Amino acid sequence: MIRKYRLQLVLILIAIILISLGVIREEAFVVLGKSTRICLECIGIG
């Protein structure tokens, strides 16, 4: 039971670290730009 919670805690900490690294490297803007282009291509504008 404790092992299950330990694994969850480790995975949450890893996720927080990776998200923080992405924010620091400003990758959110890159992803947003790519998703916007894909969306516009799907509806035929871009």
N, C-alpha and C. Protein backbone atom coordinates (compact mmCIF):
# COMPACT_ATOMS: atom_id res chain seq x y z
N MET A 1 0.82 -1.19 0.00
CA MET A 1 0.00 0.00 0.00
C MET A 1 0.88 1.27 0.00
N ILE A 2 1.87 1.31 0.87
CA ILE A 2 2.76 2.46 0.92
C ILE A 2 3.59 2.54 -0.35
N ARG A 3 3.94 1.38 -0.91
CA ARG A 3 4.74 1.37 -2.14
C ARG A 3 3.97 2.02 -3.28
N LYS A 4 2.66 1.79 -3.33
CA LYS A 4 1.83 2.38 -4.37
C LYS A 4 1.85 3.91 -4.26
N TYR A 5 1.71 4.42 -3.05
CA TYR A 5 1.72 5.87 -2.86
C TYR A 5 3.10 6.45 -3.14
N ARG A 6 4.14 5.72 -2.85
CA ARG A 6 5.49 6.18 -3.13
C ARG A 6 5.69 6.32 -4.63
N LEU A 7 5.23 5.35 -5.40
CA LEU A 7 5.34 5.41 -6.86
C LEU A 7 4.57 6.60 -7.40
N GLN A 8 3.37 6.83 -6.89
CA GLN A 8 2.58 7.97 -7.34
C GLN A 8 3.28 9.29 -7.02
N LEU A 9 3.86 9.39 -5.84
CA LEU A 9 4.57 10.60 -5.45
C LEU A 9 5.78 10.85 -6.36
N VAL A 10 6.53 9.80 -6.66
CA VAL A 10 7.69 9.92 -7.53
C VAL A 10 7.26 10.37 -8.93
N LEU A 11 6.20 9.78 -9.45
CA LEU A 11 5.73 10.15 -10.79
C LEU A 11 5.23 11.59 -10.82
N ILE A 12 4.56 12.02 -9.78
CA ILE A 12 4.08 13.41 -9.71
C ILE A 12 5.26 14.37 -9.64
N LEU A 13 6.27 14.04 -8.85
CA LEU A 13 7.45 14.89 -8.77
C LEU A 13 8.18 14.98 -10.10
N ILE A 14 8.30 13.86 -10.80
CA ILE A 14 8.94 13.86 -12.12
C ILE A 14 8.14 14.73 -13.09
N ALA A 15 6.81 14.61 -13.05
CA ALA A 15 5.97 15.42 -13.93
C ALA A 15 6.14 16.90 -13.65
N ILE A 16 6.18 17.27 -12.37
CA ILE A 16 6.36 18.68 -12.00
C ILE A 16 7.71 19.20 -12.48
N ILE A 17 8.74 18.40 -12.33
CA ILE A 17 10.08 18.80 -12.79
C ILE A 17 10.09 19.00 -14.30
N LEU A 18 9.50 18.07 -15.04
CA LEU A 18 9.51 18.18 -16.50
C LEU A 18 8.68 19.36 -16.99
N ILE A 19 7.54 19.59 -16.35
CA ILE A 19 6.71 20.74 -16.72
C ILE A 19 7.46 22.03 -16.44
N SER A 20 8.13 22.09 -15.30
CA SER A 20 8.91 23.28 -14.95
C SER A 20 10.02 23.54 -15.96
N LEU A 21 10.71 22.49 -16.37
CA LEU A 21 11.76 22.65 -17.37
C LEU A 21 11.19 23.18 -18.69
N GLY A 22 10.04 22.68 -19.07
CA GLY A 22 9.40 23.15 -20.30
C GLY A 22 9.02 24.62 -20.21
N VAL A 23 8.53 25.04 -19.05
CA VAL A 23 8.16 26.44 -18.87
C VAL A 23 9.40 27.33 -18.89
N ILE A 24 10.46 26.88 -18.23
CA ILE A 24 11.70 27.65 -18.20
C ILE A 24 12.27 27.82 -19.60
N ARG A 25 12.18 26.77 -20.41
CA ARG A 25 12.72 26.83 -21.78
C ARG A 25 11.74 27.45 -22.77
N GLU A 26 10.60 27.92 -22.27
CA GLU A 26 9.55 28.57 -23.07
C GLU A 26 9.03 27.68 -24.19
N GLU A 27 8.92 26.40 -23.91
CA GLU A 27 8.41 25.47 -24.92
C GLU A 27 6.90 25.54 -25.06
N ALA A 28 6.22 26.12 -24.08
CA ALA A 28 4.77 26.25 -24.17
C ALA A 28 4.38 27.10 -25.38
N PHE A 29 5.17 28.14 -25.65
CA PHE A 29 4.88 29.00 -26.80
C PHE A 29 5.07 28.26 -28.11
N VAL A 30 6.06 27.39 -28.16
CA VAL A 30 6.33 26.60 -29.36
C VAL A 30 5.16 25.65 -29.62
N VAL A 31 4.72 24.98 -28.57
CA VAL A 31 3.60 24.03 -28.70
C VAL A 31 2.33 24.77 -29.10
N LEU A 32 2.08 25.91 -28.50
CA LEU A 32 0.89 26.69 -28.83
C LEU A 32 0.91 27.14 -30.29
N GLY A 33 2.08 27.57 -30.76
CA GLY A 33 2.20 27.99 -32.16
C GLY A 33 1.95 26.84 -33.12
N LYS A 34 2.52 25.68 -32.81
CA LYS A 34 2.32 24.52 -33.68
C LYS A 34 0.87 24.08 -33.68
N SER A 35 0.24 24.07 -32.51
CA SER A 35 -1.16 23.64 -32.44
C SER A 35 -2.07 24.62 -33.18
N THR A 36 -1.75 25.89 -33.13
CA THR A 36 -2.54 26.89 -33.85
C THR A 36 -2.43 26.67 -35.35
N ARG A 37 -1.21 26.42 -35.84
CA ARG A 37 -1.03 26.17 -37.28
C ARG A 37 -1.78 24.92 -37.72
N ILE A 38 -1.71 23.86 -36.92
CA ILE A 38 -2.41 22.62 -37.27
C ILE A 38 -3.91 22.86 -37.30
N CYS A 39 -4.42 23.60 -36.33
CA CYS A 39 -5.85 23.89 -36.27
C CYS A 39 -6.29 24.68 -37.50
N LEU A 40 -5.51 25.69 -37.86
CA LEU A 40 -5.87 26.51 -39.00
C LEU A 40 -5.79 25.70 -40.30
N GLU A 41 -4.85 24.77 -40.39
CA GLU A 41 -4.77 23.93 -41.58
C GLU A 41 -5.96 22.99 -41.67
N CYS A 42 -6.44 22.50 -40.52
CA CYS A 42 -7.58 21.57 -40.52
C CYS A 42 -8.85 22.24 -41.02
N ILE A 43 -9.03 23.52 -40.67
CA ILE A 43 -10.26 24.18 -41.11
C ILE A 43 -10.07 24.90 -42.44
N GLY A 44 -8.87 24.82 -43.01
CA GLY A 44 -8.63 25.31 -44.35
C GLY A 44 -8.23 26.77 -44.46
N ILE A 45 -7.86 27.41 -43.37
CA ILE A 45 -7.47 28.81 -43.45
C ILE A 45 -5.97 28.95 -43.73
N GLY A 46 -5.16 28.11 -43.07
CA GLY A 46 -3.71 28.28 -43.17
C GLY A 46 -3.11 27.55 -44.23
